[in-house]
Amino acid sequence: MLLGFLLVCAAVCDASHNFSIPNVAASFDSTPKPFEINVDPGFIEDTRRRVETARAPISIGDVDDGPTLENFTVIKDYWVNEYNWEKTQESINQRLKQFTAIVEVADDNATILVPLHYVHHLSPRDDAIPLLFIHGWPGSFLEVINIIDQLTNPPNTSLPAFHVVAPSIPGFGFSPAPQHAGFGPVKSAQAFNALMHQLGYPKYVMQGGDFGGMILRYQANMFPKNVVTALSNFWVLMPTEYDLHNLIVGSSSDEETFYITRSEGFVNNDNGFRMIQQTKPLTAAYALTDSPLGNALWVYSIMEIIVDPTDFTWMPDEIITWSLMYYIQGPYGGMRMYKEMLNDGAFSSVAFADLPIVSQPVAISQFPYDLAYGLPLDWARRGGNVVKCFVHDHGGHFASYEVPQLLLNDIWSWFGDKNNSGTGIFY
């Protein structure tokens, strides 16, 4: 027993010195350390040269096969001639207080050390609530940038304030990618719960979309004594065989018919990227790791169709910056999360699977350009204790970034409801 314990300790100690992020100066320790993005200028220049010599596919006319050749040309020209990474990283460092740390995650009889990059902003208010914000794909920790100041410093004292923690999922942004298979939503939930404990938040609330909305459900299910309540803007469920039968025989409601048609349409028409990333992500990663412009257009192919064009248009600067959150350390780690989602049971073939039941009170936010829009409330309650549903007439998948005020209002409304959300325990 003693020998085994010493071997585990030796492995832990050795591993703590091996964590790094490709092309970035960063260190990780068992205690939080301030972090500023500082990407190797040589890598940035190599990236620019690769973009400059990128070759476009041939054109076969006006077809809906993905981003257009015009997209390719506009992004390429901007990247080569105007994009300024040094200015971009300086802006991010000024706006977001970032840290690195190592947390421990239990794995059978062993302990896994998980290096994390995260944003942590403290509110000046004594009554502030700890809030864990989790991003998704093809986003990153940058999703929190347009709401974090108002979350920590609301415009008036009648609104709840928050201490905000926004980690990068391992393999995304500046959290090093897992070195072994098996790190999916379950271990992400364990790591993020450990991070909140490390920061002195044994009880906290959660908010997330996309992967964040899915990890949220695992985490709330696994740690009911720690996660008090949550707000998800990606509370998605697939229709059951019974629901589909009702549609066929004409007994579905208009609301149910809309949701079934929408969800089935996404699975059948816009899901190709997921099929690759959850089956053979390395195959695509070879090309995307070698081609920064190819990687940018890969993520943009999803980014462009899940935002409300009446509210928001992606600018070349944003497309490039968001894609670099994958390209800097290499996109494989983030892409592979889809395979880990499948392995942990979040996906089932081409569809979403039944996610863990959440017993805590939950609110959901729905935006028209997101997949979860139109989910009937009684169906939503199949996944847990959904108490409140905010339905918006505009906005999309990246609500915190594209329509921040709408999501802020939902966050304040839900977590400010001390009785129904359970946040009264923080006062």
Protein backbone atom coordinates (compact mmCIF):
# COMPACT_ATOMS: atom_id res chain seq x y z
CA MET A 1 0.00 0.00 0.00
CA LEU A 2 2.76 2.43 0.94
CA LEU A 3 4.68 1.72 -2.28
CA GLY A 4 1.54 2.30 -4.32
CA PHE A 5 0.89 5.56 -2.49
CA LEU A 6 4.44 6.74 -3.14
CA LEU A 7 4.17 5.86 -6.81
CA VAL A 8 0.97 7.87 -7.11
CA CYS A 9 2.59 10.80 -5.30
CA ALA A 10 5.63 10.63 -7.57
CA ALA A 11 3.42 10.62 -10.65
CA VAL A 12 1.47 13.58 -9.31
CA CYS A 13 4.60 15.55 -8.52
CA ASP A 14 6.17 14.82 -11.89
CA ALA A 15 3.01 15.71 -13.78
CA SER A 16 2.76 19.09 -12.07
CA HIS A 17 5.91 20.21 -13.88
CA ASN A 18 4.84 19.08 -17.34
CA PHE A 19 1.79 21.22 -18.05
CA SER A 20 2.21 23.78 -20.79
CA ILE A 21 0.32 25.46 -23.62
CA PRO A 22 1.85 25.32 -27.10
CA ASN A 23 3.07 28.75 -28.25
CA VAL A 24 2.16 30.43 -24.96
CA ALA A 25 4.23 31.28 -21.90
CA ALA A 26 2.22 29.85 -18.99
CA SER A 27 2.79 27.94 -15.79
CA PHE A 28 0.41 25.91 -13.65
CA ASP A 29 0.52 25.24 -9.93
CA SER A 30 -1.72 23.91 -7.19
CA THR A 31 -2.49 27.47 -6.15
CA PRO A 32 -3.96 30.09 -8.50
CA LYS A 33 -1.47 32.26 -10.38
CA PRO A 34 -2.23 35.42 -12.39
CA PHE A 35 -2.01 34.88 -16.13
CA GLU A 36 -1.77 37.17 -19.11
CA ILE A 37 -1.95 35.98 -22.70
CA ASN A 38 1.48 36.21 -24.26
CA VAL A 39 1.66 34.29 -27.53
CA ASP A 40 5.01 33.74 -29.23
CA PRO A 41 5.34 36.50 -31.88
CA GLY A 42 7.16 34.06 -34.16
CA PHE A 43 4.13 31.77 -34.11
CA ILE A 44 1.82 34.68 -34.89
CA GLU A 45 3.95 35.68 -37.88
CA ASP A 46 4.12 32.06 -39.10
CA THR A 47 0.33 31.97 -38.84
CA ARG A 48 0.02 35.15 -40.91
CA ARG A 49 2.31 33.72 -43.61
CA ARG A 50 0.26 30.53 -43.76
CA VAL A 51 -2.87 32.62 -44.26
CA GLU A 52 -1.14 34.65 -46.94
CA THR A 53 -0.35 31.53 -49.00
CA ALA A 54 -3.69 29.78 -48.36
CA ARG A 55 -5.32 28.31 -51.46
CA ALA A 56 -9.08 28.57 -52.01
CA PRO A 57 -11.19 25.72 -53.36
CA ILE A 58 -12.57 25.98 -56.88
CA SER A 59 -15.99 27.57 -57.27
CA ILE A 60 -18.96 25.62 -58.62
CA GLY A 61 -21.46 28.43 -58.33
CA ASP A 62 -23.96 29.57 -55.74
CA VAL A 63 -24.39 26.49 -53.55
CA ASP A 64 -25.04 26.13 -49.84
CA ASP A 65 -21.98 24.03 -49.07
CA GLY A 66 -20.48 26.16 -46.29
CA PRO A 67 -18.78 29.56 -46.00
CA THR A 68 -18.54 31.32 -49.33
CA LEU A 69 -15.42 32.13 -51.33
CA GLU A 70 -16.18 35.74 -50.51
CA ASN A 71 -15.91 34.84 -46.81
CA PHE A 72 -12.56 33.21 -47.57
CA THR A 73 -11.24 36.25 -49.40
CA VAL A 74 -12.46 38.84 -46.89
CA ILE A 75 -11.05 37.00 -43.88
CA LYS A 76 -7.78 36.23 -45.66
CA ASP A 77 -7.19 39.82 -46.79
CA TYR A 78 -8.03 41.23 -43.37
CA TRP A 79 -5.80 38.71 -41.58
CA VAL A 80 -2.81 39.37 -43.85
CA ASN A 81 -3.10 43.15 -44.09
CA GLU A 82 -4.91 44.48 -41.02
CA TYR A 83 -5.30 42.02 -38.16
CA ASN A 84 -3.21 42.91 -35.10
CA TRP A 85 -2.84 40.06 -32.61
CA GLU A 86 -0.65 42.09 -30.26
CA LYS A 87 -3.39 44.68 -29.89
CA THR A 88 -6.01 41.94 -29.49
CA GLN A 89 -4.23 40.09 -26.70
CA GLU A 90 -3.53 43.39 -24.92
CA SER A 91 -7.25 44.21 -25.03
CA ILE A 92 -8.24 40.78 -23.66
CA ASN A 93 -5.64 41.05 -20.89
CA GLN A 94 -6.96 44.48 -19.94
CA ARG A 95 -10.62 43.46 -19.90
CA LEU A 96 -10.35 40.04 -18.26
CA LYS A 97 -8.51 39.07 -15.09
CA GLN A 98 -7.09 35.64 -15.87
CA PHE A 99 -5.48 32.92 -13.79
CA THR A 100 -4.09 29.41 -14.03
CA ALA A 101 -4.32 26.62 -11.49
CA ILE A 102 -4.20 22.86 -11.10
CA VAL A 103 -7.15 21.00 -9.63
CA GLU A 104 -7.49 17.35 -8.68
CA VAL A 105 -10.08 15.00 -10.15
CA ALA A 106 -10.74 11.49 -8.86
CA ASP A 107 -10.52 8.70 -11.42
CA ASP A 108 -11.23 5.24 -10.00
CA ASN A 109 -8.39 4.75 -7.49
CA ALA A 110 -6.15 7.46 -8.91
CA THR A 111 -6.01 11.22 -8.85
CA ILE A 112 -5.78 13.18 -12.07
CA LEU A 113 -4.26 16.63 -12.08
CA VAL A 114 -6.10 19.04 -14.37
CA PRO A 115 -4.48 22.33 -15.40
CA LEU A 116 -7.00 25.10 -15.96
CA HIS A 117 -7.05 28.61 -17.32
CA TYR A 118 -9.91 30.74 -16.05
CA VAL A 119 -11.27 34.24 -15.64
CA HIS A 120 -12.13 35.36 -12.10
CA HIS A 121 -13.72 38.73 -11.34
CA LEU A 122 -14.73 39.62 -7.80
CA SER A 123 -17.69 41.86 -7.10
CA PRO A 124 -17.22 44.70 -4.60
CA ARG A 125 -20.61 43.82 -3.09
CA ASP A 126 -20.73 41.88 0.18
CA ASP A 127 -23.83 39.99 -0.96
CA ALA A 128 -22.35 38.78 -4.27
CA ILE A 129 -23.19 35.22 -5.37
CA PRO A 130 -20.49 32.91 -6.80
CA LEU A 131 -21.37 32.20 -10.45
CA LEU A 132 -19.67 29.60 -12.65
CA PHE A 133 -19.96 30.50 -16.35
CA ILE A 134 -19.12 27.75 -18.87
CA HIS A 135 -18.63 28.36 -22.58
CA GLY A 136 -19.13 26.01 -25.53
CA TRP A 137 -17.85 25.17 -29.03
CA PRO A 138 -16.97 27.05 -31.21
CA GLY A 139 -16.74 29.63 -28.45
CA SER A 140 -14.34 30.10 -25.57
CA PHE A 141 -13.92 32.02 -22.34
CA LEU A 142 -14.33 35.15 -24.51
CA GLU A 143 -18.09 34.51 -24.43
CA VAL A 144 -18.19 36.11 -20.96
CA ILE A 145 -16.45 39.33 -21.97
CA ASN A 146 -19.60 41.39 -22.73
CA ILE A 147 -21.45 40.55 -19.50
CA ILE A 148 -18.83 40.16 -16.80
CA ASP A 149 -18.59 43.80 -15.74
CA GLN A 150 -22.34 44.15 -15.28
CA LEU A 151 -22.53 40.83 -13.45
CA THR A 152 -19.96 41.96 -10.91
CA ASN A 153 -21.21 45.56 -10.81
CA PRO A 154 -24.94 45.73 -11.63
CA PRO A 155 -26.41 49.14 -12.42
CA ASN A 156 -28.33 49.20 -9.14
CA THR A 157 -28.39 47.39 -5.80
CA SER A 158 -31.80 45.83 -6.42
CA LEU A 159 -30.12 43.44 -8.87
CA PRO A 160 -27.98 40.51 -7.67
CA ALA A 161 -24.21 40.80 -8.05
CA PHE A 162 -21.83 37.93 -8.72
CA HIS A 163 -18.28 36.77 -8.25
CA VAL A 164 -17.75 35.36 -11.75
CA VAL A 165 -15.56 32.36 -12.58
CA ALA A 166 -15.29 31.51 -16.28
CA PRO A 167 -12.91 28.59 -17.00
CA SER A 168 -11.64 27.37 -20.33
CA ILE A 169 -12.71 23.78 -20.91
CA PRO A 170 -9.51 21.67 -21.23
CA GLY A 171 -8.42 21.82 -24.87
CA PHE A 172 -10.06 25.22 -25.39
CA GLY A 173 -8.46 28.65 -25.10
CA PHE A 174 -5.57 28.40 -22.68
CA SER A 175 -6.50 25.30 -20.68
CA PRO A 176 -4.10 22.59 -21.91
CA ALA A 177 -5.76 19.78 -23.83
CA PRO A 178 -6.13 16.44 -22.00
CA GLN A 179 -3.22 14.11 -22.69
CA HIS A 180 -5.35 10.98 -22.49
CA ALA A 181 -8.79 9.92 -23.68
CA GLY A 182 -11.67 9.96 -21.25
CA PHE A 183 -11.87 13.64 -20.31
CA GLY A 184 -15.40 14.63 -21.23
CA PRO A 185 -18.31 16.36 -19.51
CA VAL A 186 -18.08 14.17 -16.40
CA LYS A 187 -14.47 15.03 -15.62
CA SER A 188 -15.01 18.63 -16.74
CA ALA A 189 -17.78 18.89 -14.16
CA GLN A 190 -15.49 17.39 -11.52
CA ALA A 191 -12.69 19.80 -12.43
CA PHE A 192 -14.90 22.87 -12.36
CA ASN A 193 -16.45 21.87 -9.04
CA ALA A 194 -12.93 21.41 -7.64
CA LEU A 195 -11.97 24.84 -8.99
CA MET A 196 -14.90 26.49 -7.24
CA HIS A 197 -13.90 24.81 -3.97
CA GLN A 198 -10.29 25.89 -4.46
CA LEU A 199 -11.48 29.49 -4.88
CA GLY A 200 -13.50 29.31 -1.66
CA TYR A 201 -16.95 28.80 -3.20
CA PRO A 202 -18.38 25.55 -1.78
CA LYS A 203 -21.83 26.62 -2.95
CA TYR A 204 -22.42 28.42 -6.24
CA VAL A 205 -24.79 28.97 -9.15
CA MET A 206 -24.14 28.11 -12.81
CA GLN A 207 -24.81 29.57 -16.24
CA GLY A 208 -23.91 28.05 -19.59
CA GLY A 209 -24.74 27.51 -23.24
CA ASP A 210 -23.73 24.84 -25.76
CA PHE A 211 -21.20 22.54 -24.02
CA GLY A 212 -21.58 24.79 -20.99
CA GLY A 213 -25.28 24.05 -20.88
CA MET A 214 -24.55 20.33 -21.10
CA ILE A 215 -21.71 20.22 -18.56
CA LEU A 216 -24.01 22.26 -16.30
CA ARG A 217 -26.46 19.37 -16.20
CA TYR A 218 -23.77 16.84 -15.36
CA GLN A 219 -22.33 19.08 -12.68
CA ALA A 220 -25.65 19.89 -11.02
CA ASN A 221 -26.53 16.19 -11.02
CA MET A 222 -23.16 15.10 -9.61
CA PHE A 223 -22.81 17.85 -6.99
CA PRO A 224 -26.29 18.69 -5.66
CA LYS A 225 -24.85 19.98 -2.37
CA ASN A 226 -22.67 22.49 -4.20
CA VAL A 227 -24.68 23.66 -7.23
CA VAL A 228 -27.57 25.64 -5.78
CA THR A 229 -29.34 26.54 -9.02
CA ALA A 230 -28.62 27.18 -12.69
CA LEU A 231 -29.68 29.09 -15.78
CA SER A 232 -29.11 27.38 -19.13
CA ASN A 233 -29.44 28.88 -22.59
CA PHE A 234 -28.94 25.45 -24.14
CA TRP A 235 -31.48 23.18 -22.47
CA VAL A 236 -31.97 20.78 -25.36
CA LEU A 237 -33.86 17.48 -25.52
CA MET A 238 -34.65 15.27 -28.47
CA PRO A 239 -38.26 14.21 -29.13
CA THR A 240 -39.09 10.67 -28.04
CA GLU A 241 -40.50 7.93 -30.26
CA TYR A 242 -43.88 8.69 -28.70
CA ASP A 243 -43.52 12.37 -29.67
CA LEU A 244 -42.62 11.42 -33.25
CA HIS A 245 -45.58 9.05 -33.40
CA ASN A 246 -47.89 11.87 -32.32
CA LEU A 247 -46.47 14.04 -35.08
CA ILE A 248 -47.08 11.35 -37.68
CA VAL A 249 -50.68 10.81 -36.65
CA GLY A 250 -51.34 14.54 -36.43
CA SER A 251 -51.85 14.83 -32.68
CA SER A 252 -48.86 17.07 -31.90
CA SER A 253 -49.46 20.64 -30.79
CA ASP A 254 -48.17 23.49 -32.95
CA GLU A 255 -45.41 24.08 -30.40
CA GLU A 256 -44.37 20.42 -30.43
CA THR A 257 -44.46 20.26 -34.23
CA PHE A 258 -42.25 23.35 -34.49
CA TYR A 259 -39.66 21.93 -32.09
CA ILE A 260 -39.57 18.50 -33.71
CA THR A 261 -39.19 19.98 -37.18
CA ARG A 262 -36.45 22.33 -36.01
CA SER A 263 -34.43 19.75 -34.08
CA GLU A 264 -34.73 17.10 -36.78
CA GLY A 265 -33.74 19.67 -39.39
CA PHE A 266 -30.55 20.51 -37.53
CA VAL A 267 -29.63 16.86 -37.03
CA ASN A 268 -30.18 16.04 -40.70
CA ASN A 269 -28.85 19.18 -42.41
CA ASP A 270 -26.36 21.07 -40.22
CA ASN A 271 -24.74 18.35 -38.16
CA GLY A 272 -21.91 17.22 -40.42
CA PHE A 273 -19.20 18.95 -38.40
CA ARG A 274 -20.31 17.07 -35.30
CA MET A 275 -20.26 13.71 -37.00
CA ILE A 276 -16.61 14.24 -37.92
CA GLN A 277 -15.61 15.61 -34.53
CA GLN A 278 -17.28 12.85 -32.53
CA THR A 279 -15.96 10.01 -34.70
CA LYS A 280 -12.63 10.91 -36.38
CA PRO A 281 -11.61 14.34 -35.03
CA LEU A 282 -7.92 13.75 -35.64
CA THR A 283 -8.55 13.29 -39.37
CA ALA A 284 -9.84 16.85 -39.66
CA ALA A 285 -7.41 18.16 -37.06
CA TYR A 286 -4.41 17.44 -39.29
CA ALA A 287 -5.72 19.89 -41.88
CA LEU A 288 -7.01 22.49 -39.40
CA THR A 289 -3.81 22.45 -37.35
CA ASP A 290 -1.82 23.15 -40.51
CA SER A 291 -4.15 25.77 -41.94
CA PRO A 292 -5.17 28.69 -39.73
CA LEU A 293 -7.54 30.00 -42.41
CA GLY A 294 -9.08 26.56 -42.82
CA ASN A 295 -9.57 26.37 -39.06
CA ALA A 296 -11.18 29.83 -39.03
CA LEU A 297 -13.63 28.91 -41.77
CA TRP A 298 -14.38 25.60 -40.06
CA VAL A 299 -15.56 27.34 -36.88
CA TYR A 300 -17.18 30.17 -38.84
CA SER A 301 -19.30 27.66 -40.74
CA ILE A 302 -21.19 27.17 -37.46
CA MET A 303 -20.80 30.67 -36.04
CA GLU A 304 -22.55 32.29 -39.00
CA ILE A 305 -25.76 30.24 -38.89
CA ILE A 306 -26.47 30.38 -35.15
CA VAL A 307 -26.59 34.14 -34.57
CA ASP A 308 -29.52 36.41 -35.31
CA PRO A 309 -28.53 38.55 -38.32
CA THR A 310 -30.94 41.29 -37.25
CA ASP A 311 -28.89 41.75 -34.07
CA PHE A 312 -25.38 40.77 -34.91
CA THR A 313 -22.85 40.34 -37.70
CA TRP A 314 -19.47 38.73 -37.19
CA MET A 315 -16.60 41.03 -38.12
CA PRO A 316 -13.38 39.57 -39.59
CA ASP A 317 -11.49 40.60 -36.45
CA GLU A 318 -13.84 38.55 -34.26
CA ILE A 319 -13.81 35.51 -36.54
CA ILE A 320 -10.02 35.45 -36.51
CA THR A 321 -9.73 35.99 -32.75
CA TRP A 322 -12.30 33.33 -31.89
CA SER A 323 -10.63 30.84 -34.23
CA LEU A 324 -7.24 31.56 -32.65
CA MET A 325 -8.64 30.40 -29.32
CA TYR A 326 -8.35 26.94 -30.92
CA TYR A 327 -5.48 27.38 -33.33
CA ILE A 328 -2.91 28.71 -30.84
CA GLN A 329 -2.69 25.45 -28.90
CA GLY A 330 -4.06 23.37 -31.76
CA PRO A 331 -7.76 22.65 -32.48
CA TYR A 332 -7.72 18.90 -31.84
CA GLY A 333 -8.38 19.11 -28.09
CA GLY A 334 -11.48 21.24 -28.51
CA MET A 335 -12.77 19.25 -31.48
CA ARG A 336 -12.35 15.99 -29.60
CA MET A 337 -14.73 17.05 -26.84
CA TYR A 338 -17.51 15.91 -29.18
CA LYS A 339 -16.17 12.36 -29.03
CA GLU A 340 -15.93 12.56 -25.25
CA MET A 341 -19.52 13.82 -25.12
CA LEU A 342 -20.54 10.73 -27.07
CA ASN A 343 -18.52 8.47 -24.78
CA ASP A 344 -20.04 10.02 -21.64
CA GLY A 345 -23.56 9.54 -22.99
CA ALA A 346 -24.45 13.13 -23.90
CA PHE A 347 -24.82 12.22 -27.58
CA SER A 348 -26.48 9.26 -29.24
CA SER A 349 -25.41 8.74 -32.83
CA VAL A 350 -26.60 11.85 -34.70
CA ALA A 351 -28.89 13.09 -31.92
CA PHE A 352 -28.65 14.31 -28.34
CA ALA A 353 -29.05 11.70 -25.63
CA ASP A 354 -30.85 11.99 -22.30
CA LEU A 355 -28.66 14.14 -20.10
CA PRO A 356 -28.49 13.76 -16.29
CA ILE A 357 -31.56 14.88 -14.38
CA VAL A 358 -31.17 18.15 -12.50
CA SER A 359 -33.06 18.23 -9.20
CA GLN A 360 -32.17 21.80 -8.30
CA PRO A 361 -34.41 24.64 -9.53
CA VAL A 362 -33.44 25.64 -13.06
CA ALA A 363 -34.35 28.46 -15.43
CA ILE A 364 -33.88 28.21 -19.19
CA SER A 365 -33.43 30.97 -21.77
CA GLN A 366 -34.50 30.45 -25.38
CA PHE A 367 -33.32 32.49 -28.37
CA PRO A 368 -34.73 32.05 -31.91
CA TYR A 369 -31.42 31.28 -33.64
CA ASP A 370 -30.46 28.56 -31.16
CA LEU A 371 -31.27 24.87 -31.35
CA ALA A 372 -33.08 24.83 -28.00
CA TYR A 373 -35.60 27.46 -29.11
CA GLY A 374 -39.23 26.38 -28.94
CA LEU A 375 -38.73 23.45 -26.57
CA PRO A 376 -42.11 23.03 -24.83
CA LEU A 377 -41.90 23.64 -21.10
CA ASP A 378 -43.45 20.29 -20.21
CA TRP A 379 -40.84 18.58 -22.38
CA ALA A 380 -38.07 20.65 -20.78
CA ARG A 381 -39.15 19.33 -17.39
CA ARG A 382 -38.28 15.81 -18.52
CA GLY A 383 -34.68 16.87 -17.94
CA GLY A 384 -35.12 18.29 -14.48
CA ASN A 385 -36.71 20.83 -12.20
CA VAL A 386 -37.29 23.59 -14.75
CA VAL A 387 -39.11 26.35 -12.89
CA LYS A 388 -38.82 29.28 -15.30
CA CYS A 389 -38.54 29.69 -19.07
CA PHE A 390 -37.49 32.98 -20.67
CA VAL A 391 -38.47 33.09 -24.36
CA HIS A 392 -37.01 35.86 -26.52
CA ASP A 393 -38.03 37.06 -29.96
CA HIS A 394 -34.48 37.71 -31.12
CA GLY A 395 -30.95 36.53 -30.38
CA GLY A 396 -29.02 33.35 -30.96
CA HIS A 397 -26.57 30.76 -29.72
CA PHE A 398 -23.95 33.11 -28.25
CA ALA A 399 -26.43 35.09 -26.18
CA SER A 400 -23.85 36.42 -23.72
CA TYR A 401 -21.86 37.89 -26.61
CA GLU A 402 -24.42 38.89 -29.25
CA VAL A 403 -27.39 39.96 -27.08
CA PRO A 404 -25.75 40.44 -23.67
CA GLN A 405 -28.48 42.63 -22.20
CA LEU A 406 -31.14 39.99 -22.80
CA LEU A 407 -29.14 37.31 -21.03
CA LEU A 408 -28.16 39.68 -18.24
CA ASN A 409 -31.83 40.43 -17.59
CA ASP A 410 -32.57 36.69 -17.40
CA ILE A 411 -29.65 36.10 -15.02
CA TRP A 412 -30.68 38.96 -12.75
CA SER A 413 -34.34 37.93 -12.84
CA TRP A 414 -33.73 34.28 -12.06
CA PHE A 415 -30.94 34.44 -9.51
CA GLY A 416 -32.59 37.49 -7.96
CA ASP A 417 -35.67 35.38 -7.22
CA LYS A 418 -34.40 34.18 -3.85
CA ASN A 419 -37.32 31.88 -3.14
CA ASN A 420 -37.78 30.07 -6.45
CA SER A 421 -34.09 29.86 -7.42
CA GLY A 422 -32.87 29.00 -3.94
CA THR A 423 -30.33 31.83 -3.85
CA GLY A 424 -31.73 32.96 -0.52
CA ILE A 425 -29.07 30.78 1.11
CA PHE A 426 -26.44 33.31 0.03
CA TYR A 427 -28.02 36.10 2.07
